[in-house]
């Protein structure tokens, strides 16, 4: 147990030995503590989830502040409740400078029992309908302690408080970028070495209500990778074959007189070679039809994924929601994702959607699951899915490599695998798995780099995404360290 004297010694040693005792920023411990900081302060300080706070601090918490003095656990909780979470006036908000983070492991008898984390954080006042106002900056040192396999905050030192710097922080620049493009909210997730290390949500749900870290976004076609991995898990278990005809389980009434429907297989659907248009309702007669022979070329199609969904549901006697939950959501640790507006949907967290002019689009709720669009999820949940995928998705090596295989070429350095577009031509033999989503008031992007196991995730609840994507992907200020090799 760390008492006050030992704590002072730890801080002193950490300062003296800084150059060679902090862990590497690519290490698992650093990434773990980075995520701890992100979620702990967003939920407990920014969102005032006091039950969460009480469960994630130790019984002997000690808090040291260079302006407010010393607090034990009881006084810390009392002051947080009365001064931070009272609901009176503007709300204090805390954001960390992720590039300032340092982590030092603490061992006892050769076993890791705690970690010391240092960095810089910024403070703001938030008021509905107004931009956050920065109030100051400070340094911090935290001691996180492992208790029964869970990290809990044990010691807090907040010091060197200074007035706000005149230059804009990354968060302020992002908010300005969103405002200029008429997009109220953005979710950002970062995966480093196979692990989700950062979750950030900026802006508002509806141009009034601040968007919480667990904002629920509709993610359009990012639904498809979920369904693709669900199918691949069933294929890997021998419950479905990649090349078996789907007509054995489902034939669309529009196609019953066209023998080419017998050529449709999971592989042909997952590589977008069905011959279908994207959606039948875009056709003059609203009928599903083949525009070319299945398996002969690529053409992106949501109808193809709907076809596969229906075939799987018929074969296994359960809905796509249940199949995805068993094969993907549970093993990936996803607890806040759904295909439709079921009874668990918390509408108070939903990011309303806005058109190109920045005007709100009337909310449309979907009560039937689609395999191609309309998934409702959070940055943290989908980030866990991407982490799961880049670490193999629980698939055998054979099926995982089949997913990454260049199944069909789109253009130079651009292919489609099973459920993912594959971009090549990066340095160091790196390549990228990519999928986007777009519909009225929705723009989403997911990118993974299988060699380095890095990646990123962007959710937007508006349509003017090009300038935002461009700025985010070329500015280290937003995404921290450069996670991939440039073309």
Protein backbone atom coordinates (compact mmCIF):
# COMPACT_ATOMS: atom_id res chain seq x y z
CA UNK A 1 0.00 0.00 0.00
CA UNK A 2 1.29 3.45 -0.89
CA UNK A 3 1.23 5.89 2.04
CA UNK A 4 1.97 9.60 1.73
CA UNK A 5 5.70 9.30 2.44
CA UNK A 6 6.14 6.48 -0.06
CA UNK A 7 4.08 8.41 -2.59
CA UNK A 8 6.47 11.37 -2.33
CA UNK A 9 9.42 9.02 -2.85
CA UNK A 10 7.77 7.49 -5.89
CA UNK A 11 7.20 10.92 -7.44
CA UNK A 12 10.82 11.90 -6.75
CA UNK A 13 12.25 8.70 -8.25
CA UNK A 14 9.96 8.98 -11.27
CA UNK A 15 11.27 12.49 -11.92
CA UNK A 16 14.92 11.53 -11.52
CA UNK A 17 14.74 8.34 -13.56
CA UNK A 18 12.29 9.68 -16.14
CA UNK A 19 14.60 9.02 -19.09
CA UNK A 20 14.70 5.27 -18.65
CA UNK A 21 11.96 4.04 -16.30
CA UNK A 22 8.82 5.07 -18.14
CA UNK A 23 7.30 2.36 -20.32
CA UNK A 24 7.33 2.54 -24.10
CA UNK A 25 4.30 4.25 -25.62
CA UNK A 26 3.68 1.15 -27.75
CA UNK A 27 3.60 -1.14 -24.71
CA UNK A 28 0.43 -2.80 -23.50
CA UNK A 29 0.66 -1.09 -20.10
CA UNK A 30 0.90 2.38 -21.65
CA UNK A 31 -2.08 1.74 -23.92
CA UNK A 32 -4.07 0.31 -21.02
CA UNK A 33 -3.44 3.34 -18.82
CA UNK A 34 -4.16 5.71 -21.70
CA UNK A 35 -7.59 4.13 -22.14
CA UNK A 36 -8.16 4.15 -18.35
CA UNK A 37 -7.55 7.89 -18.29
CA UNK A 38 -9.83 8.49 -21.27
CA UNK A 39 -12.84 6.59 -19.96
CA UNK A 40 -12.44 7.25 -16.22
CA UNK A 41 -12.42 11.04 -16.50
CA UNK A 42 -15.01 11.21 -19.25
CA UNK A 43 -17.50 9.15 -17.26
CA UNK A 44 -16.76 10.32 -13.72
CA UNK A 45 -15.74 13.98 -14.17
CA UNK A 46 -17.26 15.10 -17.46
CA UNK A 47 -20.46 13.04 -17.39
CA UNK A 48 -20.80 12.87 -13.58
CA UNK A 49 -21.55 9.15 -13.39
CA UNK A 50 -20.97 9.11 -9.64
CA UNK A 51 -21.76 5.41 -9.24
CA UNK A 52 -19.02 4.69 -11.77
CA UNK A 53 -16.65 7.00 -9.88
CA UNK A 54 -17.25 5.30 -6.54
CA UNK A 55 -16.57 1.86 -8.06
CA UNK A 56 -13.32 2.95 -9.73
CA UNK A 57 -11.49 4.64 -6.85
CA UNK A 58 -9.87 2.80 -3.97
CA UNK A 59 -11.25 2.83 -0.43
CA UNK A 60 -8.16 4.75 0.72
CA UNK A 61 -8.02 7.28 -2.14
CA UNK A 62 -5.84 10.35 -1.48
CA UNK A 63 -6.19 13.53 -3.53
CA UNK A 64 -3.65 16.39 -3.49
CA UNK A 65 -4.40 19.73 -5.14
CA UNK A 66 -2.04 22.71 -5.16
CA UNK A 67 -4.98 25.12 -4.77
CA UNK A 68 -7.65 23.16 -2.93
CA UNK A 69 -5.51 21.12 -0.52
CA UNK A 70 -5.76 17.48 0.57
CA UNK A 71 -8.88 15.29 0.33
CA UNK A 72 -9.55 11.71 1.37
CA UNK A 73 -12.08 9.48 -0.43
CA UNK A 74 -15.09 10.79 1.48
CA UNK A 75 -14.30 14.48 1.03
CA UNK A 76 -13.26 13.90 -2.59
CA UNK A 77 -16.65 12.34 -3.41
CA UNK A 78 -18.47 15.07 -1.51
CA UNK A 79 -16.61 17.87 -3.31
CA UNK A 80 -17.11 16.21 -6.68
CA UNK A 81 -20.83 15.89 -6.05
CA UNK A 82 -21.26 19.46 -4.80
CA UNK A 83 -18.75 21.40 -6.92
CA UNK A 84 -18.41 19.44 -10.16
CA UNK A 85 -21.75 17.67 -10.49
CA UNK A 86 -24.23 19.93 -8.74
CA UNK A 87 -25.99 20.91 -11.93
CA UNK A 88 -25.82 24.57 -11.03
CA UNK A 89 -24.35 26.81 -13.71
CA UNK A 90 -21.75 25.86 -16.36
CA UNK A 91 -20.30 22.34 -16.04
CA UNK A 92 -16.52 21.86 -15.44
CA UNK A 93 -14.98 19.58 -18.10
CA UNK A 94 -11.53 17.94 -18.18
CA UNK A 95 -9.56 16.86 -21.28
CA UNK A 96 -6.11 15.26 -21.32
CA UNK A 97 -3.26 16.14 -23.67
CA UNK A 98 -2.66 12.57 -24.91
CA UNK A 99 0.80 13.41 -26.24
CA UNK A 100 1.94 14.39 -22.72
CA UNK A 101 1.19 11.02 -21.11
CA UNK A 102 3.94 9.04 -19.38
CA UNK A 103 3.52 5.74 -17.52
CA UNK A 104 5.77 4.10 -14.90
CA UNK A 105 5.13 0.55 -13.65
CA UNK A 106 5.24 -0.16 -9.90
CA UNK A 107 6.27 -3.65 -8.79
CA UNK A 108 6.17 -5.55 -5.51
CA UNK A 109 8.13 -8.80 -5.27
CA UNK A 110 8.46 -8.75 -9.04
CA UNK A 111 4.71 -8.44 -9.64
CA UNK A 112 2.99 -5.41 -11.14
CA UNK A 113 0.60 -4.01 -8.55
CA UNK A 114 0.21 -0.37 -9.64
CA UNK A 115 1.15 2.18 -12.27
CA UNK A 116 2.08 5.84 -12.04
CA UNK A 117 0.76 8.07 -14.83
CA UNK A 118 1.88 11.65 -15.52
CA UNK A 119 0.69 14.25 -17.99
CA UNK A 120 -1.00 17.56 -18.69
CA UNK A 121 -4.74 18.19 -18.61
CA UNK A 122 -6.94 21.13 -19.60
CA UNK A 123 -10.12 22.37 -17.93
CA UNK A 124 -13.21 24.00 -19.45
CA UNK A 125 -16.65 25.27 -18.53
CA UNK A 126 -19.49 23.83 -20.60
CA UNK A 127 -22.90 25.41 -20.97
CA UNK A 128 -25.70 24.21 -23.22
CA UNK A 129 -25.81 26.02 -26.54
CA UNK A 130 -22.38 27.58 -26.11
CA UNK A 131 -18.80 26.65 -26.92
CA UNK A 132 -16.71 25.25 -24.07
CA UNK A 133 -14.57 27.94 -22.44
CA UNK A 134 -11.09 26.92 -21.33
CA UNK A 135 -10.36 27.90 -17.72
CA UNK A 136 -6.88 26.53 -17.18
CA UNK A 137 -4.17 23.92 -17.56
CA UNK A 138 -2.36 21.78 -14.98
CA UNK A 139 0.01 18.89 -14.57
CA UNK A 140 -1.12 15.66 -12.94
CA UNK A 141 0.34 12.51 -11.47
CA UNK A 142 -1.95 9.56 -10.78
CA UNK A 143 -1.33 6.22 -9.15
CA UNK A 144 -3.56 3.47 -10.49
CA UNK A 145 -3.71 0.31 -8.37
CA UNK A 146 -4.65 -3.19 -9.51
CA UNK A 147 -7.36 -4.65 -7.30
CA UNK A 148 -8.71 -8.09 -8.27
CA UNK A 149 -7.64 -7.53 -11.86
CA UNK A 150 -9.28 -4.08 -12.12
CA UNK A 151 -7.47 -0.74 -12.29
CA UNK A 152 -8.63 1.77 -9.67
CA UNK A 153 -7.50 5.32 -8.95
CA UNK A 154 -5.57 5.34 -5.67
CA UNK A 155 -3.61 8.61 -5.58
CA UNK A 156 -4.20 11.92 -7.39
CA UNK A 157 -1.84 14.88 -7.54
CA UNK A 158 -3.02 17.92 -9.55
CA UNK A 159 -0.56 20.82 -9.58
CA UNK A 160 1.04 23.70 -11.52
CA UNK A 161 -2.35 25.18 -12.41
CA UNK A 162 -1.98 28.01 -14.94
CA UNK A 163 -4.36 30.19 -16.96
CA UNK A 164 -5.36 28.89 -20.40
CA UNK A 165 -2.80 29.17 -23.17
CA UNK A 166 -3.72 31.57 -25.98
CA UNK A 167 -3.40 28.89 -28.65
CA UNK A 168 -6.23 26.49 -29.42
CA UNK A 169 -6.10 22.90 -28.21
CA UNK A 170 -6.86 19.95 -30.48
CA UNK A 171 -10.36 19.70 -29.00
CA UNK A 172 -11.05 23.37 -29.74
CA UNK A 173 -9.80 23.06 -33.31
CA UNK A 174 -11.95 19.97 -33.86
CA UNK A 175 -15.02 21.78 -32.57
CA UNK A 176 -14.28 24.65 -34.93
CA UNK A 177 -13.83 22.20 -37.80
CA UNK A 178 -17.19 20.59 -37.02
CA UNK A 179 -18.90 23.97 -36.80
CA UNK A 180 -17.51 25.08 -40.17
CA UNK A 181 -18.90 21.94 -41.81
CA UNK A 182 -22.28 21.91 -40.10
CA UNK A 183 -21.58 18.61 -38.34
CA UNK A 184 -22.61 18.74 -34.67
CA UNK A 185 -20.84 15.63 -33.34
CA UNK A 186 -17.82 13.49 -34.07
CA UNK A 187 -16.68 10.25 -32.45
CA UNK A 188 -13.03 9.25 -32.73
CA UNK A 189 -11.46 5.92 -31.77
CA UNK A 190 -7.78 4.96 -32.00
CA UNK A 191 -6.40 1.40 -32.06
CA UNK A 192 -2.71 0.90 -31.31
CA UNK A 193 -0.99 -2.47 -31.55
CA UNK A 194 -4.30 -4.29 -31.52
CA UNK A 195 -5.85 -2.47 -28.60
CA UNK A 196 -8.38 0.34 -28.36
CA UNK A 197 -6.43 3.10 -26.60
CA UNK A 198 -8.47 6.24 -27.04
CA UNK A 199 -12.16 7.13 -27.25
CA UNK A 200 -13.19 10.75 -27.81
CA UNK A 201 -16.54 12.31 -28.66
CA UNK A 202 -16.74 15.99 -29.60
CA UNK A 203 -19.60 18.42 -30.11
CA UNK A 204 -23.31 18.04 -29.46
CA UNK A 205 -26.10 15.57 -30.11
CA UNK A 206 -28.44 18.19 -31.57
CA UNK A 207 -26.52 21.51 -31.53
CA UNK A 208 -27.62 21.94 -27.91
CA UNK A 209 -26.92 18.86 -25.79
CA UNK A 210 -23.23 17.97 -25.26
CA UNK A 211 -22.42 14.59 -26.78
CA UNK A 212 -21.31 12.10 -24.09
CA UNK A 213 -18.44 9.67 -24.57
CA UNK A 214 -21.00 6.88 -25.11
CA UNK A 215 -23.02 8.74 -27.74
CA UNK A 216 -24.99 6.35 -29.93
CA UNK A 217 -24.35 6.89 -33.64
CA UNK A 218 -26.11 5.36 -36.61
CA UNK A 219 -23.19 4.09 -38.70
CA UNK A 220 -24.77 3.22 -42.08
CA UNK A 221 -22.68 0.69 -44.04
CA UNK A 222 -20.30 -0.02 -41.15
CA UNK A 223 -23.06 -2.55 -40.41
CA UNK A 224 -21.68 -4.74 -43.22
CA UNK A 225 -18.31 -5.66 -41.58
CA UNK A 226 -20.25 -6.89 -38.53
CA UNK A 227 -22.37 -9.15 -40.71
CA UNK A 228 -19.34 -10.25 -42.74
CA UNK A 229 -17.43 -11.35 -39.63
CA UNK A 230 -20.57 -13.07 -38.31
CA UNK A 231 -20.75 -15.10 -41.52
CA UNK A 232 -17.02 -15.89 -41.41
CA UNK A 233 -17.31 -17.14 -37.82
CA UNK A 234 -20.11 -19.51 -38.90
CA UNK A 235 -18.02 -20.62 -41.89
CA UNK A 236 -15.00 -21.22 -39.66
CA UNK A 237 -17.11 -23.42 -37.37
CA UNK A 238 -18.28 -25.54 -40.31
CA UNK A 239 -21.87 -24.34 -39.92
CA UNK A 240 -21.84 -22.57 -43.30
CA UNK A 241 -19.67 -23.00 -46.37
CA UNK A 242 -18.06 -20.06 -48.12
CA UNK A 243 -19.03 -21.41 -51.55
CA UNK A 244 -22.33 -23.15 -50.88
CA UNK A 245 -25.38 -22.02 -52.89
CA UNK A 246 -27.71 -19.76 -50.92
CA UNK A 247 -30.82 -20.84 -52.85
CA UNK A 248 -30.96 -23.93 -50.62
CA UNK A 249 -32.15 -21.59 -47.85
CA UNK A 250 -33.54 -18.50 -49.59
CA UNK A 251 -34.64 -17.36 -53.02
CA UNK A 252 -35.93 -13.85 -53.48
CA UNK A 253 -39.37 -13.89 -55.18
CA UNK A 254 -38.13 -11.38 -57.73
CA UNK A 255 -35.48 -13.88 -58.88
CA UNK A 256 -37.33 -17.19 -58.83
CA UNK A 257 -37.55 -17.34 -62.64
CA UNK A 258 -33.90 -16.40 -63.17
CA UNK A 259 -31.65 -19.47 -62.85
CA UNK A 260 -28.68 -17.27 -62.03
CA UNK A 261 -29.92 -17.04 -58.45
CA UNK A 262 -28.43 -20.52 -57.97
CA UNK A 263 -24.94 -19.03 -58.43
CA UNK A 264 -25.16 -16.85 -55.33
CA UNK A 265 -22.86 -17.89 -52.45
CA UNK A 266 -21.51 -16.23 -49.27
CA UNK A 267 -18.22 -15.52 -51.08
CA UNK A 268 -19.98 -13.76 -53.94
CA UNK A 269 -22.00 -11.61 -51.51
CA UNK A 270 -19.03 -10.72 -49.28
CA UNK A 271 -17.00 -9.62 -52.33
CA UNK A 272 -19.90 -7.61 -53.83
CA UNK A 273 -20.12 -9.68 -57.00
CA UNK A 274 -23.83 -10.54 -56.86
CA UNK A 275 -24.78 -8.52 -59.94
CA UNK A 276 -27.36 -6.58 -57.92
CA UNK A 277 -27.78 -2.82 -57.80
CA UNK A 278 -27.13 -1.25 -54.41
CA UNK A 279 -30.87 -1.16 -53.62
CA UNK A 280 -33.86 -2.41 -55.56
CA UNK A 281 -35.89 0.69 -54.70
CA UNK A 282 -33.51 2.65 -56.94
CA UNK A 283 -34.85 0.71 -59.94
CA UNK A 284 -37.87 1.96 -61.90
CA UNK A 285 -39.89 -1.17 -61.11
CA UNK A 286 -38.59 -1.56 -57.53
CA UNK A 287 -37.64 -5.15 -58.38
CA UNK A 288 -34.45 -7.04 -57.59
CA UNK A 289 -32.66 -8.16 -60.75
CA UNK A 290 -29.26 -9.22 -62.01
CA UNK A 291 -27.40 -6.53 -63.92
CA UNK A 292 -24.66 -9.04 -64.82
CA UNK A 293 -23.87 -12.67 -64.08
CA UNK A 294 -22.95 -13.30 -60.41
CA UNK A 295 -19.23 -13.73 -59.80
CA UNK A 296 -18.06 -11.94 -62.95
CA UNK A 297 -17.27 -8.48 -61.58
CA UNK A 298 -17.54 -6.13 -58.60
CA UNK A 299 -20.54 -3.89 -57.90
CA UNK A 300 -21.26 -2.64 -54.39
CA UNK A 301 -24.64 -3.85 -53.18
CA UNK A 302 -26.57 -3.57 -49.94
CA UNK A 303 -29.11 -5.96 -51.44
CA UNK A 304 -26.44 -8.66 -51.53
CA UNK A 305 -25.94 -8.44 -47.77
CA UNK A 306 -29.71 -8.50 -47.22
CA UNK A 307 -29.82 -11.66 -49.34
CA UNK A 308 -27.12 -13.33 -47.25
CA UNK A 309 -28.90 -12.28 -44.05
CA UNK A 310 -32.15 -13.89 -45.14
CA UNK A 311 -30.37 -17.10 -46.15
CA UNK A 312 -28.53 -17.35 -42.82
CA UNK A 313 -31.68 -16.60 -40.84
CA UNK A 314 -33.55 -19.36 -42.69
CA UNK A 315 -30.69 -21.84 -42.28
CA UNK A 316 -30.14 -21.26 -38.57
CA UNK A 317 -33.66 -20.35 -37.50
CA UNK A 318 -32.64 -17.15 -35.73
CA UNK A 319 -32.38 -13.45 -36.56
CA UNK A 320 -29.22 -11.67 -37.61
CA UNK A 321 -29.21 -9.86 -34.23
CA UNK A 322 -28.93 -13.15 -32.34
CA UNK A 323 -26.36 -14.56 -34.75
CA UNK A 324 -24.19 -11.43 -34.48
CA UNK A 325 -24.52 -11.37 -30.70
CA UNK A 326 -23.31 -14.96 -30.37
CA UNK A 327 -20.55 -14.79 -32.98
CA UNK A 328 -19.29 -11.20 -32.59
CA UNK A 329 -20.79 -8.97 -29.88
CA UNK A 330 -20.14 -11.28 -26.93
CA UNK A 331 -16.60 -12.40 -27.85
CA UNK A 332 -15.62 -8.84 -28.78
CA UNK A 333 -17.02 -7.42 -25.53
CA UNK A 334 -19.61 -5.22 -27.26
CA UNK A 335 -22.48 -4.30 -24.93
CA UNK A 336 -23.96 -1.17 -26.47
CA UNK A 337 -24.73 -2.12 -30.08
CA UNK A 338 -28.02 -3.02 -31.72
CA UNK A 339 -29.43 -3.47 -35.22
CA UNK A 340 -32.69 -1.63 -34.58
CA UNK A 341 -34.56 0.54 -32.08
CA UNK A 342 -35.24 -2.15 -29.50
CA UNK A 343 -36.32 -1.57 -25.90
CA UNK A 344 -32.71 -1.18 -24.72
CA UNK A 345 -32.12 1.86 -26.96
CA UNK A 346 -31.30 4.96 -24.90
CA UNK A 347 -32.59 7.75 -27.13
CA UNK A 348 -31.13 10.44 -24.87
CA UNK A 349 -27.67 9.44 -26.14
CA UNK A 350 -28.52 9.36 -29.84
CA UNK A 351 -26.68 11.74 -32.19
CA UNK A 352 -29.37 13.36 -34.32
CA UNK A 353 -28.54 13.57 -38.01
CA UNK A 354 -27.94 16.73 -40.08
CA UNK A 355 -27.89 17.37 -43.82
CA UNK A 356 -25.31 19.22 -45.94
CA UNK A 357 -26.80 22.56 -44.95
CA UNK A 358 -26.41 21.69 -41.27
CA UNK A 359 -30.16 21.32 -40.78
CA UNK A 360 -31.57 18.52 -38.64
CA UNK A 361 -33.14 15.59 -40.49
CA UNK A 362 -36.40 14.18 -39.12
CA UNK A 363 -35.61 11.14 -37.02
CA UNK A 364 -36.55 7.82 -38.61
CA UNK A 365 -36.55 4.80 -36.33
CA UNK A 366 -35.97 1.35 -37.76
CA UNK A 367 -37.71 -1.62 -36.18
CA UNK A 368 -36.35 -4.32 -38.49
CA UNK A 369 -32.73 -5.41 -38.61
CA UNK A 370 -30.77 -4.72 -41.79
CA UNK A 371 -27.53 -6.45 -42.70
CA UNK A 372 -26.36 -3.51 -44.79
CA UNK A 373 -27.13 -0.36 -42.79
CA UNK A 374 -28.69 1.30 -39.71
CA UNK A 375 -26.53 -0.32 -37.00
CA UNK A 376 -26.65 1.72 -33.76
CA UNK A 377 -23.43 1.71 -31.76
CA UNK A 378 -20.84 3.73 -29.84
CA UNK A 379 -17.21 4.57 -30.59
CA UNK A 380 -16.07 2.35 -27.74
CA UNK A 381 -18.15 -0.63 -28.87
CA UNK A 382 -17.20 -0.43 -32.54
CA UNK A 383 -13.60 0.23 -31.53
CA UNK A 384 -13.70 -3.07 -29.62
CA UNK A 385 -14.97 -4.75 -32.78
CA UNK A 386 -12.08 -3.33 -34.85
CA UNK A 387 -9.64 -4.46 -32.17
CA UNK A 388 -11.22 -7.92 -32.29
CA UNK A 389 -10.87 -8.06 -36.08
CA UNK A 390 -7.25 -6.91 -36.25
CA UNK A 391 -6.37 -9.56 -33.65
CA UNK A 392 -7.88 -12.35 -35.75
CA UNK A 393 -11.58 -12.14 -34.83
CA UNK A 394 -11.38 -15.56 -33.21
CA UNK A 395 -11.01 -17.13 -36.67
CA UNK A 396 -8.66 -19.89 -37.71
CA UNK A 397 -5.58 -18.68 -39.55
CA UNK A 398 -6.93 -20.18 -42.78
CA UNK A 399 -10.24 -18.30 -42.71
CA UNK A 400 -8.64 -15.09 -41.43
CA UNK A 401 -6.18 -15.09 -44.33
CA UNK A 402 -9.06 -15.81 -46.72
CA UNK A 403 -10.72 -12.63 -45.44
CA UNK A 404 -7.55 -10.69 -46.26
CA UNK A 405 -7.10 -12.30 -49.68
CA UNK A 406 -7.42 -10.06 -52.76
CA UNK A 407 -10.67 -11.65 -53.96
CA UNK A 408 -11.39 -9.10 -56.70
CA UNK A 409 -9.38 -6.16 -58.03
CA UNK A 410 -11.08 -2.76 -58.18
CA UNK A 411 -8.14 -0.74 -59.54
CA UNK A 412 -4.38 -0.44 -59.00
CA UNK A 413 -3.50 -1.10 -55.33
CA UNK A 414 -7.20 -1.45 -54.54
CA UNK A 415 -8.96 -4.79 -53.95
CA UNK A 416 -11.92 -6.26 -52.16
CA UNK A 417 -11.55 -9.13 -49.72
CA UNK A 418 -14.31 -10.79 -47.73
CA UNK A 419 -16.27 -7.87 -46.34
CA UNK A 420 -13.43 -5.30 -46.53
CA UNK A 421 -11.84 -3.10 -49.16
CA UNK A 422 -8.07 -3.64 -49.16
CA UNK A 423 -5.67 -0.82 -50.04
CA UNK A 424 -2.03 -1.64 -50.80
CA UNK A 425 0.97 0.42 -51.89
CA UNK A 426 2.04 1.61 -48.43
CA UNK A 427 5.66 1.51 -47.30
CA UNK A 428 7.03 -1.38 -45.20
CA UNK A 429 4.62 -3.82 -46.89
CA UNK A 430 1.75 -2.37 -44.86
CA UNK A 431 -1.79 -2.49 -46.22
CA UNK A 432 -5.16 -1.26 -44.99
CA UNK A 433 -8.61 -2.73 -44.47
CA UNK A 434 -11.16 0.00 -44.98
CA UNK A 435 -14.92 0.41 -44.89
CA UNK A 436 -17.02 3.54 -45.06
CA UNK A 437 -20.64 4.37 -44.34
CA UNK A 438 -22.82 7.09 -45.76
CA UNK A 439 -26.51 7.93 -45.82
CA UNK A 440 -28.67 10.94 -44.97
CA UNK A 441 -26.95 12.69 -42.06
CA UNK A 442 -24.33 9.95 -41.55
CA UNK A 443 -20.68 9.65 -42.53
CA UNK A 444 -18.48 6.97 -40.97
CA UNK A 445 -15.02 5.54 -41.61
CA UNK A 446 -13.10 2.56 -40.22
CA UNK A 447 -9.49 1.74 -41.16
CA UNK A 448 -7.25 -1.08 -39.90
CA UNK A 449 -3.59 -1.86 -40.62
CA UNK A 450 -3.11 -5.62 -40.08
CA UNK A 451 0.71 -5.54 -40.06
CA UNK A 452 1.05 -2.99 -37.25
CA UNK A 453 -2.40 -3.72 -35.77
CA UNK A 454 -3.13 0.01 -35.68
CA UNK A 455 -6.22 1.79 -36.90
CA UNK A 456 -8.79 4.49 -36.41
CA UNK A 457 -12.53 5.05 -36.41
CA UNK A 458 -14.49 8.21 -37.21
CA UNK A 459 -18.24 8.71 -36.73
CA UNK A 460 -20.01 11.88 -37.92
CA UNK A 461 -23.69 12.81 -37.61
CA UNK A 462 -23.56 15.10 -40.64
CA UNK A 463 -22.83 14.85 -44.36
CA UNK A 464 -19.98 17.31 -45.04
CA UNK A 465 -17.19 14.93 -44.18
CA UNK A 466 -14.43 15.48 -46.77
CA UNK A 467 -12.72 18.44 -45.11
CA UNK A 468 -13.02 16.80 -41.69
CA UNK A 469 -11.50 13.52 -42.87
CA UNK A 470 -8.72 15.36 -44.67
CA UNK A 471 -7.82 17.45 -41.62
CA UNK A 472 -7.93 14.52 -39.20
CA UNK A 473 -5.88 12.18 -41.33
CA UNK A 474 -3.09 14.66 -42.03
CA UNK A 475 -2.72 16.26 -38.60
CA UNK A 476 -0.97 14.39 -35.82
CA UNK A 477 -2.45 16.83 -33.32
CA UNK A 478 -5.76 15.00 -33.52
CA UNK A 479 -4.75 11.35 -33.77
CA UNK A 480 -1.61 11.51 -31.65
CA UNK A 481 1.30 9.62 -33.15
CA UNK A 482 1.23 8.71 -36.81
CA UNK A 483 -0.20 5.19 -36.82
CA UNK A 484 0.46 4.13 -40.35
CA UNK A 485 2.94 4.38 -43.17
CA UNK A 486 2.22 7.07 -45.73
CA UNK A 487 1.71 6.08 -49.34
